[in-house]
Amino acid sequence: MEAPHSTKDGLSETALSRRTFLRSSLAASAGLTGILLTKTPPAFAQERELKLLTFAHFVPAADNELRRQLDEFGKQAGIKVRMDQVAHLQLPAVLASEVQGQKGHDIIGLSRFAMPNLYAKQLVKLDDLVEKIGRDNGGWINKEVGKGGDGQ
């Protein structure tokens, strides 16, 4: 292997130019500044977690089965899954606080008693996903599955 040639100032040809060094330093500083200002670590350093909020079922075995399914999904997807439960009468208050704070759970188990129509603007429409699941699995038992309080 050939040694790098020296330039007239004594630096090798493989040395960084001043402009390249400044450009690289500026990019690194901008990235670090963004991380520090947003207080958000880079995505590759974060553990992925899916957070589910649902009401505590009156049949404890149903809660155990849901937890088992979530654990199985977490293993298959390679993520941590957390299930939080509240009494059904507390669910509207928890939903209201999550909407007000603009943060909270990724998935929320809503029933019509939790008045999902109040939160339609804060929820992500999953109609395409619901239709695909129904199509792939033989359809739905009733037409209300996957629809909001306004029928959409």
N, C-alpha and C. Protein backbone atom coordinates (compact mmCIF):
# COMPACT_ATOMS: atom_id res chain seq x y z
N MET A 1 0.84 -1.18 0.00
CA MET A 1 0.00 0.00 0.00
C MET A 1 0.88 1.24 0.00
N GLU A 2 0.53 2.19 -0.79
CA GLU A 2 1.30 3.41 -0.96
C GLU A 2 0.98 4.40 0.14
N ALA A 3 2.01 5.07 0.63
CA ALA A 3 1.80 6.10 1.65
C ALA A 3 1.19 7.32 1.00
N PRO A 4 0.36 8.08 1.71
CA PRO A 4 -0.23 9.29 1.13
C PRO A 4 0.85 10.30 0.79
N HIS A 5 0.67 11.00 -0.30
CA HIS A 5 1.61 12.04 -0.72
C HIS A 5 1.43 13.26 0.16
N SER A 6 2.55 13.94 0.39
CA SER A 6 2.49 15.17 1.18
C SER A 6 2.27 16.35 0.26
N THR A 7 1.51 17.33 0.78
CA THR A 7 1.32 18.57 0.04
C THR A 7 2.41 19.54 0.48
N LYS A 8 2.46 20.72 -0.13
CA LYS A 8 3.53 21.65 0.20
C LYS A 8 3.44 22.21 1.62
N ASP A 9 2.22 22.14 2.25
CA ASP A 9 2.13 22.62 3.63
C ASP A 9 2.41 21.51 4.65
N GLY A 10 2.79 20.33 4.15
CA GLY A 10 3.15 19.24 5.03
C GLY A 10 2.00 18.32 5.39
N LEU A 11 0.78 18.63 4.97
CA LEU A 11 -0.39 17.78 5.26
C LEU A 11 -0.52 16.71 4.18
N SER A 12 -1.06 15.58 4.54
CA SER A 12 -1.29 14.54 3.54
C SER A 12 -2.53 14.88 2.72
N GLU A 13 -2.67 14.24 1.56
CA GLU A 13 -3.82 14.48 0.70
C GLU A 13 -5.11 13.98 1.33
N THR A 14 -5.00 13.07 2.28
CA THR A 14 -6.18 12.52 2.92
C THR A 14 -6.68 13.39 4.08
N ALA A 15 -5.95 14.41 4.43
CA ALA A 15 -6.37 15.30 5.51
C ALA A 15 -7.61 16.08 5.09
N LEU A 16 -8.46 16.41 6.06
CA LEU A 16 -9.68 17.18 5.79
C LEU A 16 -9.32 18.61 5.44
N SER A 17 -10.04 19.15 4.50
CA SER A 17 -9.86 20.57 4.22
C SER A 17 -10.57 21.36 5.32
N ARG A 18 -10.22 22.59 5.47
CA ARG A 18 -10.84 23.44 6.47
C ARG A 18 -12.34 23.56 6.23
N ARG A 19 -12.74 23.71 4.96
CA ARG A 19 -14.15 23.82 4.61
C ARG A 19 -14.92 22.54 4.96
N THR A 20 -14.35 21.37 4.65
CA THR A 20 -15.00 20.10 4.96
C THR A 20 -15.14 19.93 6.48
N PHE A 21 -14.09 20.29 7.20
CA PHE A 21 -14.13 20.19 8.66
C PHE A 21 -15.23 21.09 9.23
N LEU A 22 -15.31 22.32 8.78
CA LEU A 22 -16.33 23.25 9.28
C LEU A 22 -17.74 22.78 8.94
N ARG A 23 -17.93 22.28 7.72
CA ARG A 23 -19.24 21.79 7.29
C ARG A 23 -19.67 20.60 8.16
N SER A 24 -18.75 19.66 8.40
CA SER A 24 -19.06 18.49 9.23
C SER A 24 -19.35 18.89 10.67
N SER A 25 -18.56 19.82 11.18
CA SER A 25 -18.77 20.28 12.56
C SER A 25 -20.10 20.98 12.72
N LEU A 26 -20.47 21.80 11.74
CA LEU A 26 -21.74 22.51 11.77
C LEU A 26 -22.92 21.53 11.75
N ALA A 27 -22.84 20.52 10.89
CA ALA A 27 -23.92 19.52 10.82
C ALA A 27 -24.05 18.77 12.14
N ALA A 28 -22.94 18.37 12.72
CA ALA A 28 -22.98 17.64 13.99
C ALA A 28 -23.54 18.53 15.10
N SER A 29 -23.13 19.80 15.11
CA SER A 29 -23.62 20.74 16.13
C SER A 29 -25.12 20.97 15.99
N ALA A 30 -25.59 21.11 14.75
CA ALA A 30 -27.03 21.32 14.52
C ALA A 30 -27.84 20.13 15.00
N GLY A 31 -27.35 18.92 14.71
CA GLY A 31 -28.05 17.73 15.17
C GLY A 31 -28.10 17.62 16.67
N LEU A 32 -26.97 17.90 17.32
CA LEU A 32 -26.91 17.85 18.78
C LEU A 32 -27.79 18.94 19.39
N THR A 33 -27.80 20.12 18.80
CA THR A 33 -28.65 21.21 19.29
C THR A 33 -30.12 20.82 19.21
N GLY A 34 -30.52 20.20 18.10
CA GLY A 34 -31.91 19.75 17.94
C GLY A 34 -32.30 18.74 19.00
N ILE A 35 -31.41 17.81 19.30
CA ILE A 35 -31.69 16.80 20.33
C ILE A 35 -31.83 17.46 21.69
N LEU A 36 -30.93 18.39 22.00
CA LEU A 36 -30.97 19.05 23.30
C LEU A 36 -32.19 19.96 23.46
N LEU A 37 -32.56 20.68 22.41
CA LEU A 37 -33.71 21.59 22.49
C LEU A 37 -35.03 20.84 22.62
N THR A 38 -35.18 19.75 21.87
CA THR A 38 -36.44 19.00 21.92
C THR A 38 -36.48 18.00 23.06
N LYS A 39 -35.32 17.79 23.68
CA LYS A 39 -35.20 16.81 24.77
C LYS A 39 -35.68 15.44 24.32
N THR A 40 -35.43 15.11 23.06
CA THR A 40 -35.83 13.83 22.48
C THR A 40 -34.58 13.11 21.98
N PRO A 41 -34.26 11.96 22.56
CA PRO A 41 -33.10 11.23 22.07
C PRO A 41 -33.34 10.68 20.67
N PRO A 42 -32.28 10.37 19.94
CA PRO A 42 -32.47 9.82 18.60
C PRO A 42 -33.31 8.54 18.65
N ALA A 43 -34.07 8.30 17.60
CA ALA A 43 -35.01 7.17 17.57
C ALA A 43 -34.32 5.84 17.76
N PHE A 44 -33.10 5.68 17.24
CA PHE A 44 -32.45 4.39 17.35
C PHE A 44 -32.07 4.07 18.80
N ALA A 45 -32.01 5.07 19.66
CA ALA A 45 -31.66 4.85 21.05
C ALA A 45 -32.88 4.61 21.93
N GLN A 46 -34.06 4.83 21.38
CA GLN A 46 -35.28 4.69 22.17
C GLN A 46 -35.82 3.27 22.08
N GLU A 47 -36.32 2.79 23.21
CA GLU A 47 -37.02 1.51 23.20
C GLU A 47 -38.43 1.78 22.69
N ARG A 48 -38.88 0.98 21.73
CA ARG A 48 -40.22 1.18 21.18
C ARG A 48 -41.24 0.60 22.15
N GLU A 49 -42.30 1.38 22.42
CA GLU A 49 -43.34 0.95 23.34
C GLU A 49 -44.70 1.32 22.78
N LEU A 50 -45.63 0.39 22.83
CA LEU A 50 -47.01 0.60 22.42
C LEU A 50 -47.84 0.67 23.69
N LYS A 51 -48.60 1.76 23.86
CA LYS A 51 -49.37 1.96 25.08
C LYS A 51 -50.85 1.86 24.77
N LEU A 52 -51.54 0.99 25.49
CA LEU A 52 -52.97 0.75 25.30
C LEU A 52 -53.70 1.17 26.56
N LEU A 53 -54.79 1.90 26.38
CA LEU A 53 -55.67 2.26 27.49
C LEU A 53 -57.02 1.60 27.26
N THR A 54 -57.51 0.93 28.26
CA THR A 54 -58.83 0.31 28.17
C THR A 54 -59.46 0.31 29.56
N PHE A 55 -60.73 0.00 29.61
CA PHE A 55 -61.41 -0.07 30.90
C PHE A 55 -61.22 -1.47 31.49
N ALA A 56 -61.23 -1.55 32.81
CA ALA A 56 -61.12 -2.84 33.48
C ALA A 56 -62.42 -3.60 33.25
N HIS A 57 -62.30 -4.76 32.64
CA HIS A 57 -63.48 -5.56 32.30
C HIS A 57 -64.10 -6.15 33.56
N PHE A 58 -65.41 -6.34 33.56
CA PHE A 58 -66.08 -6.93 34.72
C PHE A 58 -65.82 -8.42 34.83
N VAL A 59 -65.25 -9.02 33.77
CA VAL A 59 -64.84 -10.42 33.81
C VAL A 59 -63.31 -10.43 33.81
N PRO A 60 -62.67 -10.69 34.94
CA PRO A 60 -61.21 -10.61 35.01
C PRO A 60 -60.48 -11.50 33.99
N ALA A 61 -61.09 -12.62 33.61
CA ALA A 61 -60.45 -13.49 32.61
C ALA A 61 -60.30 -12.78 31.26
N ALA A 62 -61.21 -11.87 30.95
CA ALA A 62 -61.11 -11.11 29.69
C ALA A 62 -59.88 -10.19 29.72
N ASP A 63 -59.62 -9.58 30.86
CA ASP A 63 -58.42 -8.74 31.00
C ASP A 63 -57.15 -9.59 30.87
N ASN A 64 -57.17 -10.77 31.48
CA ASN A 64 -56.01 -11.66 31.40
C ASN A 64 -55.74 -12.10 29.97
N GLU A 65 -56.79 -12.39 29.22
CA GLU A 65 -56.64 -12.81 27.82
C GLU A 65 -56.10 -11.66 26.97
N LEU A 66 -56.62 -10.47 27.18
CA LEU A 66 -56.12 -9.32 26.43
C LEU A 66 -54.64 -9.09 26.73
N ARG A 67 -54.28 -9.19 27.98
CA ARG A 67 -52.87 -9.02 28.38
C ARG A 67 -52.00 -10.09 27.71
N ARG A 68 -52.48 -11.33 27.67
CA ARG A 68 -51.73 -12.41 27.04
C ARG A 68 -51.53 -12.12 25.55
N GLN A 69 -52.59 -11.66 24.89
CA GLN A 69 -52.49 -11.35 23.46
C GLN A 69 -51.52 -10.20 23.21
N LEU A 70 -51.56 -9.18 24.07
CA LEU A 70 -50.64 -8.05 23.91
C LEU A 70 -49.19 -8.48 24.13
N ASP A 71 -48.96 -9.34 25.12
CA ASP A 71 -47.60 -9.84 25.35
C ASP A 71 -47.10 -10.64 24.14
N GLU A 72 -47.96 -11.46 23.58
CA GLU A 72 -47.60 -12.24 22.40
C GLU A 72 -47.29 -11.32 21.22
N PHE A 73 -48.12 -10.30 21.02
CA PHE A 73 -47.88 -9.34 19.95
C PHE A 73 -46.55 -8.63 20.16
N GLY A 74 -46.28 -8.22 21.39
CA GLY A 74 -45.03 -7.52 21.70
C GLY A 74 -43.81 -8.36 21.36
N LYS A 75 -43.87 -9.65 21.67
CA LYS A 75 -42.75 -10.55 21.34
C LYS A 75 -42.59 -10.68 19.83
N GLN A 76 -43.69 -10.84 19.11
CA GLN A 76 -43.63 -10.98 17.65
C GLN A 76 -43.12 -9.69 16.99
N ALA A 77 -43.55 -8.54 17.49
CA ALA A 77 -43.18 -7.27 16.88
C ALA A 77 -41.85 -6.73 17.41
N GLY A 78 -41.34 -7.32 18.49
CA GLY A 78 -40.09 -6.85 19.06
C GLY A 78 -40.20 -5.51 19.77
N ILE A 79 -41.37 -5.27 20.39
CA ILE A 79 -41.58 -4.02 21.11
C ILE A 79 -42.13 -4.30 22.50
N LYS A 80 -42.04 -3.31 23.35
CA LYS A 80 -42.64 -3.40 24.68
C LYS A 80 -44.09 -2.95 24.56
N VAL A 81 -45.00 -3.68 25.17
CA VAL A 81 -46.42 -3.32 25.13
C VAL A 81 -46.89 -3.10 26.57
N ARG A 82 -47.57 -1.98 26.78
CA ARG A 82 -48.08 -1.67 28.12
C ARG A 82 -49.58 -1.48 28.04
N MET A 83 -50.30 -2.16 28.93
CA MET A 83 -51.75 -2.03 28.99
C MET A 83 -52.12 -1.34 30.30
N ASP A 84 -52.76 -0.19 30.18
CA ASP A 84 -53.25 0.53 31.36
C ASP A 84 -54.77 0.38 31.40
N GLN A 85 -55.28 0.12 32.59
CA GLN A 85 -56.72 -0.04 32.76
C GLN A 85 -57.25 0.94 33.79
N VAL A 86 -58.44 1.44 33.53
CA VAL A 86 -59.13 2.30 34.48
C VAL A 86 -60.56 1.79 34.60
N ALA A 87 -61.22 2.17 35.67
CA ALA A 87 -62.64 1.83 35.82
C ALA A 87 -63.41 2.51 34.68
N HIS A 88 -64.43 1.86 34.19
CA HIS A 88 -65.15 2.38 33.03
C HIS A 88 -65.71 3.79 33.26
N LEU A 89 -66.07 4.11 34.49
CA LEU A 89 -66.60 5.44 34.78
C LEU A 89 -65.51 6.51 34.76
N GLN A 90 -64.24 6.10 34.90
CA GLN A 90 -63.13 7.05 34.87
C GLN A 90 -62.60 7.30 33.46
N LEU A 91 -62.97 6.45 32.51
CA LEU A 91 -62.43 6.55 31.16
C LEU A 91 -62.69 7.92 30.51
N PRO A 92 -63.89 8.48 30.58
CA PRO A 92 -64.08 9.81 29.97
C PRO A 92 -63.16 10.89 30.54
N ALA A 93 -62.91 10.87 31.85
CA ALA A 93 -62.02 11.86 32.46
C ALA A 93 -60.58 11.67 31.99
N VAL A 94 -60.14 10.42 31.89
CA VAL A 94 -58.78 10.14 31.42
C VAL A 94 -58.64 10.58 29.96
N LEU A 95 -59.64 10.28 29.14
CA LEU A 95 -59.60 10.70 27.73
C LEU A 95 -59.54 12.22 27.61
N ALA A 96 -60.35 12.90 28.39
CA ALA A 96 -60.36 14.36 28.34
C ALA A 96 -58.99 14.93 28.72
N SER A 97 -58.34 14.35 29.71
CA SER A 97 -57.02 14.87 30.12
C SER A 97 -55.97 14.58 29.07
N GLU A 98 -56.06 13.44 28.38
CA GLU A 98 -55.10 13.13 27.33
C GLU A 98 -55.29 14.06 26.12
N VAL A 99 -56.52 14.37 25.80
CA VAL A 99 -56.79 15.30 24.71
C VAL A 99 -56.28 16.69 25.08
N GLN A 100 -56.55 17.13 26.30
CA GLN A 100 -56.11 18.45 26.74
C GLN A 100 -54.59 18.55 26.74
N GLY A 101 -53.91 17.49 27.22
CA GLY A 101 -52.45 17.49 27.27
C GLY A 101 -51.80 17.16 25.94
N GLN A 102 -52.58 16.74 24.97
CA GLN A 102 -52.12 16.34 23.63
C GLN A 102 -51.04 15.27 23.69
N LYS A 103 -51.18 14.35 24.63
CA LYS A 103 -50.30 13.19 24.69
C LYS A 103 -51.02 12.12 25.50
N GLY A 104 -50.60 10.92 25.30
CA GLY A 104 -51.23 9.83 26.02
C GLY A 104 -50.97 8.50 25.36
N HIS A 105 -51.98 7.68 25.33
CA HIS A 105 -51.86 6.31 24.83
C HIS A 105 -51.92 6.26 23.30
N ASP A 106 -51.31 5.20 22.75
CA ASP A 106 -51.31 5.00 21.30
C ASP A 106 -52.64 4.40 20.84
N ILE A 107 -53.16 3.47 21.63
CA ILE A 107 -54.43 2.81 21.30
C ILE A 107 -55.35 2.94 22.51
N ILE A 108 -56.59 3.27 22.24
CA ILE A 108 -57.57 3.41 23.32
C ILE A 108 -58.76 2.52 22.99
N GLY A 109 -59.12 1.68 23.94
CA GLY A 109 -60.30 0.83 23.78
C GLY A 109 -61.53 1.64 24.12
N LEU A 110 -62.23 2.10 23.09
CA LEU A 110 -63.41 2.93 23.30
C LEU A 110 -64.68 2.11 23.12
N SER A 111 -65.62 2.37 23.95
CA SER A 111 -66.96 1.82 23.73
C SER A 111 -67.87 3.02 23.49
N ARG A 112 -69.09 2.75 23.11
CA ARG A 112 -69.99 3.89 22.87
C ARG A 112 -70.30 4.63 24.16
N PHE A 113 -70.08 3.99 25.32
CA PHE A 113 -70.34 4.64 26.60
C PHE A 113 -69.25 5.66 26.94
N ALA A 114 -68.08 5.54 26.29
CA ALA A 114 -67.00 6.51 26.50
C ALA A 114 -67.18 7.72 25.60
N MET A 115 -68.25 7.75 24.83
CA MET A 115 -68.60 8.85 23.94
C MET A 115 -67.47 9.20 22.96
N PRO A 116 -67.06 8.23 22.12
CA PRO A 116 -65.96 8.48 21.19
C PRO A 116 -66.24 9.62 20.21
N ASN A 117 -67.52 9.93 19.98
CA ASN A 117 -67.85 11.03 19.06
C ASN A 117 -67.32 12.37 19.58
N LEU A 118 -67.09 12.50 20.88
CA LEU A 118 -66.53 13.73 21.43
C LEU A 118 -65.08 13.94 21.02
N TYR A 119 -64.40 12.84 20.67
CA TYR A 119 -62.97 12.90 20.39
C TYR A 119 -62.64 12.61 18.93
N ALA A 120 -63.63 12.69 18.06
CA ALA A 120 -63.42 12.33 16.65
C ALA A 120 -62.29 13.11 16.01
N LYS A 121 -62.12 14.38 16.36
CA LYS A 121 -61.07 15.20 15.75
C LYS A 121 -59.68 14.81 16.25
N GLN A 122 -59.58 14.17 17.42
CA GLN A 122 -58.29 13.78 17.97
C GLN A 122 -57.90 12.34 17.62
N LEU A 123 -58.83 11.60 17.05
CA LEU A 123 -58.57 10.19 16.73
C LEU A 123 -58.16 10.04 15.27
N VAL A 124 -57.35 9.04 15.01
CA VAL A 124 -56.91 8.74 13.65
C VAL A 124 -57.92 7.78 13.05
N LYS A 125 -58.42 8.10 11.86
CA LYS A 125 -59.36 7.20 11.19
C LYS A 125 -58.63 5.95 10.74
N LEU A 126 -59.19 4.81 11.07
CA LEU A 126 -58.61 3.52 10.70
C LEU A 126 -59.54 2.74 9.78
N ASP A 127 -60.41 3.46 9.05
CA ASP A 127 -61.40 2.80 8.20
C ASP A 127 -60.76 1.84 7.21
N ASP A 128 -59.66 2.25 6.58
CA ASP A 128 -59.01 1.39 5.60
C ASP A 128 -58.50 0.11 6.25
N LEU A 129 -57.97 0.21 7.46
CA LEU A 129 -57.49 -0.96 8.17
C LEU A 129 -58.64 -1.87 8.58
N VAL A 130 -59.72 -1.28 9.09
CA VAL A 130 -60.90 -2.05 9.49
C VAL A 130 -61.48 -2.79 8.29
N GLU A 131 -61.58 -2.11 7.14
CA GLU A 131 -62.11 -2.75 5.94
C GLU A 131 -61.22 -3.90 5.48
N LYS A 132 -59.90 -3.72 5.54
CA LYS A 132 -58.98 -4.78 5.13
C LYS A 132 -59.10 -5.99 6.05
N ILE A 133 -59.15 -5.75 7.36
CA ILE A 133 -59.29 -6.86 8.31
C ILE A 133 -60.59 -7.60 8.06
N GLY A 134 -61.68 -6.86 7.86
CA GLY A 134 -62.97 -7.50 7.57
C GLY A 134 -62.93 -8.30 6.29
N ARG A 135 -62.37 -7.73 5.26
CA ARG A 135 -62.28 -8.40 3.96
C ARG A 135 -61.43 -9.68 4.05
N ASP A 136 -60.31 -9.59 4.76
CA ASP A 136 -59.40 -10.74 4.88
C ASP A 136 -59.94 -11.85 5.77
N ASN A 137 -60.93 -11.53 6.61
CA ASN A 137 -61.41 -12.51 7.59
C ASN A 137 -62.90 -12.81 7.46
N GLY A 138 -63.49 -12.57 6.32
CA GLY A 138 -64.87 -12.97 6.10
C GLY A 138 -65.93 -11.96 6.47
N GLY A 139 -65.56 -10.72 6.71
CA GLY A 139 -66.56 -9.69 7.00
C GLY A 139 -66.81 -9.51 8.48
N TRP A 140 -67.72 -8.57 8.77
CA TRP A 140 -68.07 -8.24 10.15
C TRP A 140 -69.48 -8.72 10.46
N ILE A 141 -69.73 -8.96 11.73
CA ILE A 141 -71.05 -9.43 12.16
C ILE A 141 -72.08 -8.33 12.00
N ASN A 142 -71.71 -7.10 12.36
CA ASN A 142 -72.65 -5.98 12.19
C ASN A 142 -71.93 -4.82 11.50
N LYS A 143 -72.68 -3.91 11.00
CA LYS A 143 -72.15 -2.79 10.21
C LYS A 143 -71.59 -1.67 11.08
N GLU A 144 -71.77 -1.74 12.40
CA GLU A 144 -71.33 -0.66 13.28
C GLU A 144 -69.85 -0.78 13.67
N VAL A 145 -69.26 -1.95 13.49
CA VAL A 145 -67.87 -2.17 13.87
C VAL A 145 -66.97 -1.22 13.07
N GLY A 146 -66.10 -0.50 13.78
CA GLY A 146 -65.16 0.40 13.13
C GLY A 146 -65.73 1.74 12.72
N LYS A 147 -66.95 2.03 13.06
CA LYS A 147 -67.56 3.31 12.68
C LYS A 147 -67.65 4.23 13.87
N GLY A 148 -67.52 5.51 13.65
CA GLY A 148 -67.63 6.50 14.72
C GLY A 148 -69.09 6.73 15.07
N GLY A 149 -69.32 7.56 16.08
CA GLY A 149 -70.67 7.86 16.52
C GLY A 149 -71.53 8.53 15.46
N ASP A 150 -70.87 9.15 14.47
CA ASP A 150 -71.60 9.81 13.40
C ASP A 150 -71.83 8.84 12.21
N GLY A 151 -71.49 7.56 12.41
CA GLY A 151 -71.72 6.55 11.37
C GLY A 151 -70.65 6.56 10.28
N GLN A 152 -69.59 7.34 10.48
CA GLN A 152 -68.52 7.43 9.49
C GLN A 152 -67.25 6.85 10.00
